[in-house]
Protein backbone atom coordinates (compact mmCIF):
# COMPACT_ATOMS: atom_id res chain seq x y z
CA UNK A 1 0.00 0.00 0.00
CA UNK A 2 1.12 3.55 -0.74
CA UNK A 3 1.54 4.92 2.83
CA UNK A 4 0.15 8.38 2.08
CA UNK A 5 -3.22 6.83 1.15
CA UNK A 6 -3.91 6.19 4.85
CA UNK A 7 -2.13 9.19 6.29
CA UNK A 8 -5.26 10.32 8.11
CA UNK A 9 -5.42 7.14 10.16
CA UNK A 10 -1.65 7.06 10.67
CA UNK A 11 -1.74 10.60 12.03
CA UNK A 12 -4.43 9.58 14.52
CA UNK A 13 -2.19 6.78 15.81
CA UNK A 14 0.79 9.12 16.01
CA UNK A 15 -1.26 11.70 17.90
CA UNK A 16 -2.38 9.04 20.39
CA UNK A 17 1.10 7.52 20.76
CA UNK A 18 2.09 6.93 24.41
CA UNK A 19 -1.21 8.35 25.67
CA UNK A 20 -2.34 6.26 28.68
CA UNK A 21 -5.20 4.60 26.83
CA UNK A 22 -5.66 1.48 24.71
CA UNK A 23 -6.07 2.36 21.03
CA UNK A 24 -8.81 0.26 19.38
CA UNK A 25 -8.85 0.34 15.57
CA UNK A 26 -12.21 -0.97 14.39
CA UNK A 27 -13.63 -1.60 10.96
CA UNK A 28 -15.02 -4.06 8.48
CA UNK A 29 -12.84 -7.01 7.51
CA UNK A 30 -10.25 -6.23 4.78
CA UNK A 31 -10.58 -2.45 5.06
CA UNK A 32 -6.83 -2.10 5.77
CA UNK A 33 -6.40 -2.37 9.56
CA UNK A 34 -3.46 -4.79 9.38
CA UNK A 35 -1.77 -2.70 6.70
CA UNK A 36 -2.22 0.34 8.91
CA UNK A 37 -0.27 -1.57 11.55
CA UNK A 38 2.46 -2.22 8.94
CA UNK A 39 2.67 1.51 8.24
CA UNK A 40 2.63 2.42 11.92
CA UNK A 41 5.30 -0.17 12.70
CA UNK A 42 7.51 1.35 10.00
CA UNK A 43 6.88 4.79 11.51
CA UNK A 44 7.94 3.58 14.97
CA UNK A 45 11.22 2.27 13.55
CA UNK A 46 11.75 5.54 11.65
CA UNK A 47 11.57 7.56 14.89
CA UNK A 48 14.11 5.36 16.65
CA UNK A 49 12.03 2.63 18.33
CA UNK A 50 14.03 -0.60 18.26
CA UNK A 51 12.31 -3.50 16.52
CA UNK A 52 12.81 -5.58 19.68
CA UNK A 53 10.46 -3.17 21.48
CA UNK A 54 7.65 -3.66 18.94
CA UNK A 55 5.46 -6.69 19.69
CA UNK A 56 3.21 -7.54 16.73
CA UNK A 57 0.85 -10.52 16.97
CA UNK A 58 -2.03 -11.53 14.71
CA UNK A 59 -4.50 -13.56 16.75
CA UNK A 60 -6.11 -14.82 13.52
CA UNK A 61 -3.11 -16.89 12.41
CA UNK A 62 -3.04 -20.68 12.61
CA UNK A 63 -0.19 -20.56 15.14
CA UNK A 64 -2.03 -18.25 17.52
CA UNK A 65 -5.30 -20.16 17.16
CA UNK A 66 -3.49 -23.37 18.18
CA UNK A 67 -1.42 -21.82 21.00
CA UNK A 68 -3.78 -19.21 22.47
CA UNK A 69 -7.30 -20.11 23.54
CA UNK A 70 -7.98 -17.79 26.49
CA UNK A 71 -7.06 -14.39 27.85
CA UNK A 72 -4.31 -15.70 30.18
CA UNK A 73 -2.48 -17.39 27.30
CA UNK A 74 -2.89 -14.21 25.25
CA UNK A 75 -1.31 -12.19 28.07
CA UNK A 76 1.59 -14.67 28.34
CA UNK A 77 2.19 -14.63 24.57
CA UNK A 78 2.61 -10.85 24.68
CA UNK A 79 4.71 -10.70 27.84
CA UNK A 80 7.19 -13.32 26.55
CA UNK A 81 7.87 -11.25 23.45
CA UNK A 82 8.43 -7.97 25.27
CA UNK A 83 11.89 -6.51 25.81
CA UNK A 84 12.47 -6.13 29.55
CA UNK A 85 13.21 -2.85 31.27
CA UNK A 86 11.94 -0.55 28.49
CA UNK A 87 8.64 0.62 27.10
CA UNK A 88 7.21 -1.66 24.43
CA UNK A 89 4.73 -1.01 21.65
CA UNK A 90 2.20 -3.83 21.42
CA UNK A 91 0.16 -4.24 18.21
CA UNK A 92 -2.49 -6.96 18.36
CA UNK A 93 -4.65 -7.93 15.35
CA UNK A 94 -8.16 -9.43 15.66
CA UNK A 95 -8.21 -9.71 19.43
CA UNK A 96 -11.92 -10.56 19.55
CA UNK A 97 -11.05 -14.12 18.52
CA UNK A 98 -9.74 -14.83 22.03
CA UNK A 99 -12.20 -15.64 24.80
CA UNK A 100 -12.45 -12.85 27.42
CA UNK A 101 -9.80 -10.83 25.58
CA UNK A 102 -10.84 -7.71 27.49
CA UNK A 103 -9.34 -9.20 30.66
CA UNK A 104 -6.02 -9.67 28.87
CA UNK A 105 -5.96 -6.03 27.82
CA UNK A 106 -6.83 -4.84 31.31
CA UNK A 107 -3.96 -6.89 32.76
CA UNK A 108 -1.51 -5.65 30.11
CA UNK A 109 -2.67 -2.08 30.66
CA UNK A 110 -2.19 -2.45 34.43
CA UNK A 111 0.91 -4.63 34.70
CA UNK A 112 3.10 -4.02 31.65
CA UNK A 113 5.07 -1.02 30.41
CA UNK A 114 3.34 -1.14 27.05
CA UNK A 115 1.61 1.20 24.64
CA UNK A 116 -1.32 -0.94 23.45
CA UNK A 117 -2.92 -0.96 19.97
CA UNK A 118 -5.54 -3.52 18.95
CA UNK A 119 -7.75 -4.16 15.91
CA UNK A 120 -11.14 -5.82 15.62
CA UNK A 121 -13.57 -6.46 12.79
CA UNK A 122 -16.67 -7.29 14.79
CA UNK A 123 -17.53 -4.11 16.69
CA UNK A 124 -15.58 -5.29 19.72
CA UNK A 125 -15.49 -1.78 21.14
CA UNK A 126 -19.27 -1.61 21.11
CA UNK A 127 -19.78 -4.68 23.28
CA UNK A 128 -21.16 -4.19 26.79
CA UNK A 129 -18.11 -5.98 28.21
CA UNK A 130 -15.67 -3.54 26.66
CA UNK A 131 -17.64 -0.51 27.76
CA UNK A 132 -17.80 -1.84 31.31
CA UNK A 133 -14.34 -3.33 31.75
CA UNK A 134 -12.30 -0.72 29.90
CA UNK A 135 -14.39 2.37 30.55
CA UNK A 136 -12.16 5.45 30.41
CA UNK A 137 -9.16 3.40 29.31
CA UNK A 138 -9.58 3.15 25.54
CA UNK A 139 -10.16 5.28 22.47
CA UNK A 140 -11.68 4.03 19.25
CA UNK A 141 -10.40 4.84 15.77
CA UNK A 142 -13.02 3.76 13.25
CA UNK A 143 -11.56 2.71 9.92
CA UNK A 144 -13.38 2.49 6.60
CA UNK A 145 -12.31 1.22 3.18
CA UNK A 146 -10.52 3.74 0.97
CA UNK A 147 -12.24 7.06 0.44
CA UNK A 148 -12.21 8.36 -3.15
CA UNK A 149 -9.31 10.68 -2.30
CA UNK A 150 -7.41 7.77 -0.73
CA UNK A 151 -8.27 5.66 -3.78
CA UNK A 152 -6.69 8.28 -6.05
CA UNK A 153 -3.53 8.26 -3.91
CA UNK A 154 -3.54 4.47 -3.62
CA UNK A 155 -3.76 3.93 -7.38
CA UNK A 156 -1.49 6.92 -8.10
CA UNK A 157 -4.08 8.21 -10.53
CA UNK A 158 -4.47 11.72 -11.93
CA UNK A 159 -7.55 10.99 -14.05
CA UNK A 160 -10.46 12.00 -11.80
CA UNK A 161 -13.26 11.00 -14.16
CA UNK A 162 -11.91 7.54 -14.95
CA UNK A 163 -11.00 6.86 -11.33
CA UNK A 164 -14.40 7.97 -10.10
CA UNK A 165 -16.15 5.60 -12.51
CA UNK A 166 -13.89 2.78 -11.25
CA UNK A 167 -14.52 3.72 -7.64
CA UNK A 168 -18.30 3.71 -8.13
CA UNK A 169 -18.00 0.24 -9.66
CA UNK A 170 -15.57 -1.53 -7.35
CA UNK A 171 -15.37 0.67 -4.24
CA UNK A 172 -12.48 1.13 -1.87
CA UNK A 173 -11.37 -2.21 -0.42
CA UNK A 174 -7.58 -1.98 -0.89
CA UNK A 175 -7.11 -5.56 -2.10
CA UNK A 176 -9.75 -4.97 -4.78
CA UNK A 177 -8.29 -1.62 -5.84
CA UNK A 178 -4.91 -3.29 -6.40
CA UNK A 179 -6.43 -5.33 -9.23
CA UNK A 180 -7.41 -2.34 -11.37
CA UNK A 181 -6.03 -4.03 -14.51
CA UNK A 182 -8.15 -7.16 -13.93
CA UNK A 183 -11.81 -6.11 -13.56
CA UNK A 184 -13.24 -9.65 -13.63
CA UNK A 185 -10.94 -10.66 -10.79
CA UNK A 186 -11.92 -7.49 -8.90
CA UNK A 187 -15.53 -8.61 -8.86
CA UNK A 188 -14.53 -12.07 -7.63
CA UNK A 189 -12.39 -10.51 -4.89
CA UNK A 190 -15.21 -8.21 -3.82
CA UNK A 191 -17.64 -11.12 -3.76
CA UNK A 192 -15.17 -13.06 -1.61
CA UNK A 193 -14.92 -10.21 0.91
CA UNK A 194 -18.71 -10.01 1.10
CA UNK A 195 -19.02 -13.78 1.66
CA UNK A 196 -16.31 -13.75 4.33
CA UNK A 197 -18.00 -10.95 6.28
CA UNK A 198 -21.37 -12.65 5.91
CA UNK A 199 -20.31 -16.14 6.96
CA UNK A 200 -17.43 -15.54 9.39
CA UNK A 201 -18.31 -12.25 11.07
CA UNK A 202 -22.09 -12.63 11.02
CA UNK A 203 -23.22 -16.26 10.68
CA UNK A 204 -20.41 -18.06 12.49
CA UNK A 205 -19.78 -15.56 15.27
CA UNK A 206 -23.47 -15.24 16.09
CA UNK A 207 -24.64 -18.81 15.56
CA UNK A 208 -27.25 -17.82 12.98
CA UNK A 209 -29.28 -20.80 11.79
CA UNK A 210 -31.60 -19.31 9.19
CA UNK A 211 -28.88 -18.40 6.70
CA UNK A 212 -31.35 -18.13 3.82
CA UNK A 213 -33.31 -15.43 5.68
CA UNK A 214 -30.10 -13.60 6.55
CA UNK A 215 -28.98 -13.58 2.89
CA UNK A 216 -32.39 -12.35 1.72
CA UNK A 217 -32.35 -9.60 4.34
CA UNK A 218 -28.79 -8.55 3.52
CA UNK A 219 -29.50 -8.33 -0.19
CA UNK A 220 -32.71 -6.38 0.48
CA UNK A 221 -30.90 -3.89 2.72
CA UNK A 222 -28.03 -3.32 0.29
CA UNK A 223 -30.47 -2.87 -2.60
CA UNK A 224 -32.42 -0.34 -0.51
CA UNK A 225 -29.68 1.86 0.92
CA UNK A 226 -31.08 5.33 1.41
CA UNK A 227 -34.70 4.20 1.73
CA UNK A 228 -36.55 4.70 5.00
CA UNK A 229 -37.35 1.31 6.48
CA UNK A 230 -38.54 -0.32 9.69
CA UNK A 231 -38.13 -3.86 10.95
CA UNK A 232 -41.86 -4.40 10.41
CA UNK A 233 -41.87 -3.10 6.84
CA UNK A 234 -38.87 -5.28 6.01
CA UNK A 235 -40.48 -8.33 7.61
CA UNK A 236 -43.75 -7.69 5.74
CA UNK A 237 -41.86 -7.47 2.43
CA UNK A 238 -39.89 -10.67 3.05
CA UNK A 239 -43.05 -12.50 4.11
CA UNK A 240 -44.81 -11.38 0.92
CA UNK A 241 -41.84 -12.74 -1.03
CA UNK A 242 -42.21 -16.14 0.58
CA UNK A 243 -39.43 -15.74 3.17
CA UNK A 244 -40.95 -16.26 6.62
CA UNK A 245 -39.74 -13.75 9.20
CA UNK A 246 -40.84 -11.52 12.07
CA UNK A 247 -39.80 -8.03 13.08
CA UNK A 248 -37.92 -9.18 16.21
CA UNK A 249 -35.65 -11.45 14.17
CA UNK A 250 -35.15 -8.70 11.60
CA UNK A 251 -34.12 -6.25 14.35
CA UNK A 252 -31.63 -8.79 15.75
CA UNK A 253 -30.09 -9.48 12.33
CA UNK A 254 -29.82 -5.78 11.49
CA UNK A 255 -27.97 -5.13 14.75
CA UNK A 256 -25.58 -8.00 14.01
CA UNK A 257 -24.88 -6.58 10.54
CA UNK A 258 -24.14 -3.20 12.12
CA UNK A 259 -21.73 -4.82 14.56
CA UNK A 260 -19.92 -6.50 11.66
CA UNK A 261 -19.58 -3.01 10.08
CA UNK A 262 -21.45 -4.16 6.98
CA UNK A 263 -24.31 -1.70 7.44
CA UNK A 264 -24.60 1.68 9.15
CA UNK A 265 -27.92 2.84 10.57
CA UNK A 266 -28.90 6.53 10.43
CA UNK A 267 -31.77 7.77 12.57
CA UNK A 268 -34.27 10.48 11.66
CA UNK A 269 -34.39 13.87 13.35
CA UNK A 270 -37.32 16.27 13.44
CA UNK A 271 -35.73 19.63 12.67
CA UNK A 272 -38.77 21.68 13.71
CA UNK A 273 -39.46 19.78 16.92
CA UNK A 274 -35.75 19.21 17.64
CA UNK A 275 -36.50 15.59 18.45
CA UNK A 276 -34.76 12.37 17.45
CA UNK A 277 -37.31 9.96 16.00
CA UNK A 278 -37.36 6.26 16.81
CA UNK A 279 -38.95 4.98 13.60
CA UNK A 280 -38.13 4.77 9.88
CA UNK A 281 -34.37 5.14 9.83
CA UNK A 282 -32.10 4.50 6.87
CA UNK A 283 -29.19 2.14 6.29
CA UNK A 284 -26.04 2.53 4.21
CA UNK A 285 -23.51 -0.11 3.21
CA UNK A 286 -19.84 0.18 4.18
CA UNK A 287 -18.50 0.37 0.62
CA UNK A 288 -19.97 1.51 -2.73
CA UNK A 289 -18.54 -1.57 -4.43
CA UNK A 290 -20.80 -3.80 -2.34
CA UNK A 291 -23.83 -1.72 -3.31
CA UNK A 292 -22.89 -2.20 -6.95
CA UNK A 293 -22.15 -5.91 -6.46
CA UNK A 294 -25.32 -6.85 -4.56
CA UNK A 295 -27.81 -4.09 -5.24
CA UNK A 296 -27.01 -2.86 -8.70
CA UNK A 297 -30.39 -3.74 -10.13
CA UNK A 298 -32.29 -0.71 -8.77
CA UNK A 299 -31.34 2.87 -9.81
CA UNK A 300 -27.82 2.09 -8.73
CA UNK A 301 -26.06 5.36 -9.54
CA UNK A 302 -28.20 7.66 -7.40
CA UNK A 303 -28.12 5.29 -4.46
CA UNK A 304 -24.37 4.86 -4.67
CA UNK A 305 -23.83 8.64 -4.74
CA UNK A 306 -25.91 9.10 -1.59
CA UNK A 307 -24.04 6.21 0.04
CA UNK A 308 -20.71 7.86 -0.87
CA UNK A 309 -21.72 11.17 0.69
CA UNK A 310 -22.80 9.42 3.89
CA UNK A 311 -19.49 7.54 4.19
CA UNK A 312 -17.48 10.69 3.49
CA UNK A 313 -19.34 12.65 6.17
CA UNK A 314 -18.62 9.76 8.54
CA UNK A 315 -14.92 9.85 7.64
CA UNK A 316 -14.82 13.57 8.33
CA UNK A 317 -16.04 13.02 11.86
CA UNK A 318 -19.67 14.11 11.58
CA UNK A 319 -22.58 12.72 13.56
CA UNK A 320 -25.23 12.13 10.91
CA UNK A 321 -29.02 12.10 10.98
CA UNK A 322 -31.79 12.07 8.39
CA UNK A 323 -33.72 15.35 8.54
CA UNK A 324 -37.50 15.68 8.71
CA UNK A 325 -38.96 19.14 8.11
CA UNK A 326 -42.75 18.93 7.98
CA UNK A 327 -43.66 16.63 5.10
CA UNK A 328 -40.19 16.94 3.54
CA UNK A 329 -36.93 15.12 4.07
CA UNK A 330 -33.34 16.35 4.18
CA UNK A 331 -30.86 13.67 3.14
CA UNK A 332 -28.33 14.44 5.89
CA UNK A 333 -27.96 16.60 8.97
CA UNK A 334 -24.22 16.62 9.76
CA UNK A 335 -23.09 17.77 13.22
CA UNK A 336 -19.48 18.13 14.33
CA UNK A 337 -18.09 19.94 17.39
CA UNK A 338 -21.16 22.14 17.68
CA UNK A 339 -21.29 23.02 13.98
CA UNK A 340 -24.09 21.82 11.73
CA UNK A 341 -24.79 21.66 8.02
CA UNK A 342 -27.64 20.30 5.91
CA UNK A 343 -26.88 18.23 2.81
CA UNK A 344 -28.99 17.12 -0.12
CA UNK A 345 -27.66 14.67 -2.73
CA UNK A 346 -28.89 14.57 -6.33
CA UNK A 347 -27.60 13.07 -9.55
CA UNK A 348 -28.24 16.37 -11.35
CA UNK A 349 -29.98 19.69 -10.77
CA UNK A 350 -30.38 20.44 -14.47
CA UNK A 351 -34.02 19.33 -14.51
CA UNK A 352 -36.22 22.11 -13.11
CA UNK A 353 -38.65 19.75 -11.35
CA UNK A 354 -35.80 17.82 -9.72
CA UNK A 355 -34.12 21.04 -8.61
CA UNK A 356 -37.31 22.31 -7.01
CA UNK A 357 -37.86 19.00 -5.24
CA UNK A 358 -34.32 18.89 -3.83
CA UNK A 359 -34.22 22.56 -2.81
CA UNK A 360 -37.64 22.73 -1.16
CA UNK A 361 -36.69 20.90 2.10
CA UNK A 362 -33.57 23.04 2.57
CA UNK A 363 -35.44 26.29 1.90
CA UNK A 364 -38.02 25.36 4.55
CA UNK A 365 -35.33 25.25 7.26
CA UNK A 366 -35.36 28.56 9.08
CA UNK A 367 -32.06 28.43 10.96
CA UNK A 368 -28.78 29.88 9.64
CA UNK A 369 -26.67 26.72 9.45
CA UNK A 370 -24.97 26.10 6.07
CA UNK A 371 -26.99 24.23 3.43
CA UNK A 372 -25.50 22.37 0.49
CA UNK A 373 -26.56 20.45 -2.62
CA UNK A 374 -24.07 17.83 -3.81
CA UNK A 375 -24.51 16.51 -7.36
CA UNK A 376 -22.60 15.39 -10.43
CA UNK A 377 -23.16 18.77 -12.09
CA UNK A 378 -20.06 20.90 -12.80
CA UNK A 379 -19.41 23.52 -10.15
CA UNK A 380 -20.65 26.95 -11.13
CA UNK A 381 -20.34 30.36 -9.49
CA UNK A 382 -23.20 31.43 -7.29
CA UNK A 383 -25.68 29.34 -5.38
CA UNK A 384 -29.39 28.66 -4.91
CA UNK A 385 -30.71 31.42 -2.61
CA UNK A 386 -27.84 30.87 -0.20
CA UNK A 387 -27.70 27.10 -0.68
CA UNK A 388 -24.26 26.07 -1.91
CA UNK A 389 -23.88 23.79 -4.91
CA UNK A 390 -20.96 21.36 -4.99
CA UNK A 391 -19.74 18.83 -7.51
CA UNK A 392 -19.45 15.44 -5.79
CA UNK A 393 -16.04 14.53 -7.21
CA UNK A 394 -14.49 17.86 -6.21
CA UNK A 395 -16.09 17.67 -2.76
CA UNK A 396 -14.75 14.15 -2.21
CA UNK A 397 -11.22 15.31 -3.10
CA UNK A 398 -11.17 18.14 -0.53
CA UNK A 399 -8.52 17.95 2.19
C-alpha cells in the first residue's frame, strides 16, 4: 500500500502515541487495519524505536489459534515477546477471537510497560463488556475502506473521471483496488470479501441458523440503501416474497450486521421539533462496491452517490441524521463539534422539477446553518438562494 493513502489514520495513531489509553482500531474485515499496523510499525522504527520493542501478533493466524485459547495465554504470549526494562509497543490484530480478551488487555494495561494498539472487525469496542471493563481506558479509531481521495492516492491516478467511474463500480477495499487491470478478478475478490463478512463475522460468530433469511435480508438492505425502512416493513416485504420472518428477528439481524460493520444505521431527526425519531431510519452499506455488487439492479447510480456522501461525512467526523422538516426530508444533517450543516444529494440539478424537489426541504429550514446540494453537475459560481452547490467529485477530493 502507498503509505500516504492512509495518512489520516496514521496521524491519529501518532497523535495518540504513548497516551495512557488502549487504542482500538475498528472496521469491516479487509478495510486495511493490518496494513495500517504495517505503516505504523515502519513509523515507529523511523523515529528510533528498536524492533525488539515492537510486539506484533495476529490472533487470527493458525499458530495463535493453536497456541492461544484464552485471555491468560494471550497475556503470556505478549509478555514473553516484550523486551524487559523498556517501554514496548504492542500491536495486536483481531483480538476478539480470544475468549475474554478484554481481561487480557486490562492486565496488560495495568501490569506491563506497554503502549497498546488492537484491531477488531466485529464491533468489539461496542460490546457491553468492553464498555464496562475498559471504561475510560480506551479510544476508538473507526476505519473504513478507501475514500475516493485515498483511492486516487492508492492507485497513483491523476484521471479523476476515470478513477471515479472505477470507484463507483468496485469501491475502496484496498485488495480490490490493487487489481485495477483485472476487472473480472476485482468482482470475484469483492464477492469473496462479502461472503467472508457474511459467513465468518455474522453467521459463524453469532450462531445464525436461518442463513437463507439472513442472505435475503442482507440483499434487500443493500439494494435499498437510502430508503426509509422499519423492521416491520422489512419483515412484511420478506413474508410477501415467501421468506418467513418476524420483526424481532429482523431487528436482531440488522444489529448483528451493524456490529460487523457491513451496514450503518442513520436515525431520523425532526428539525422543527428538535427531536430524534425512533422509527423509519435508513441504512447505508460500508463500501460503494458492495452496493454495486449486490444491489445494482435498482437505480444504482443515485443510491451509490448518496451512500458515498454518507461515508465521506462519517470519515470527516460528523454525527449524521436524516432530517425531517414537515412533510419533507433532508438527506443528511451533519453535526461536528457544535457546527451543523444540511446536505442534499442529487444526480443532477439540471431538470427544473428535480431542482425544485431537492431545494424545497432546505429552503423550509429557518435556521442559519450552512446548506449544500451535492450533485454530479459541474461547479458553477453562485448558489441557490444561499444554498451552496458542490460537484461530488471535487467535494470528495477536498482535504
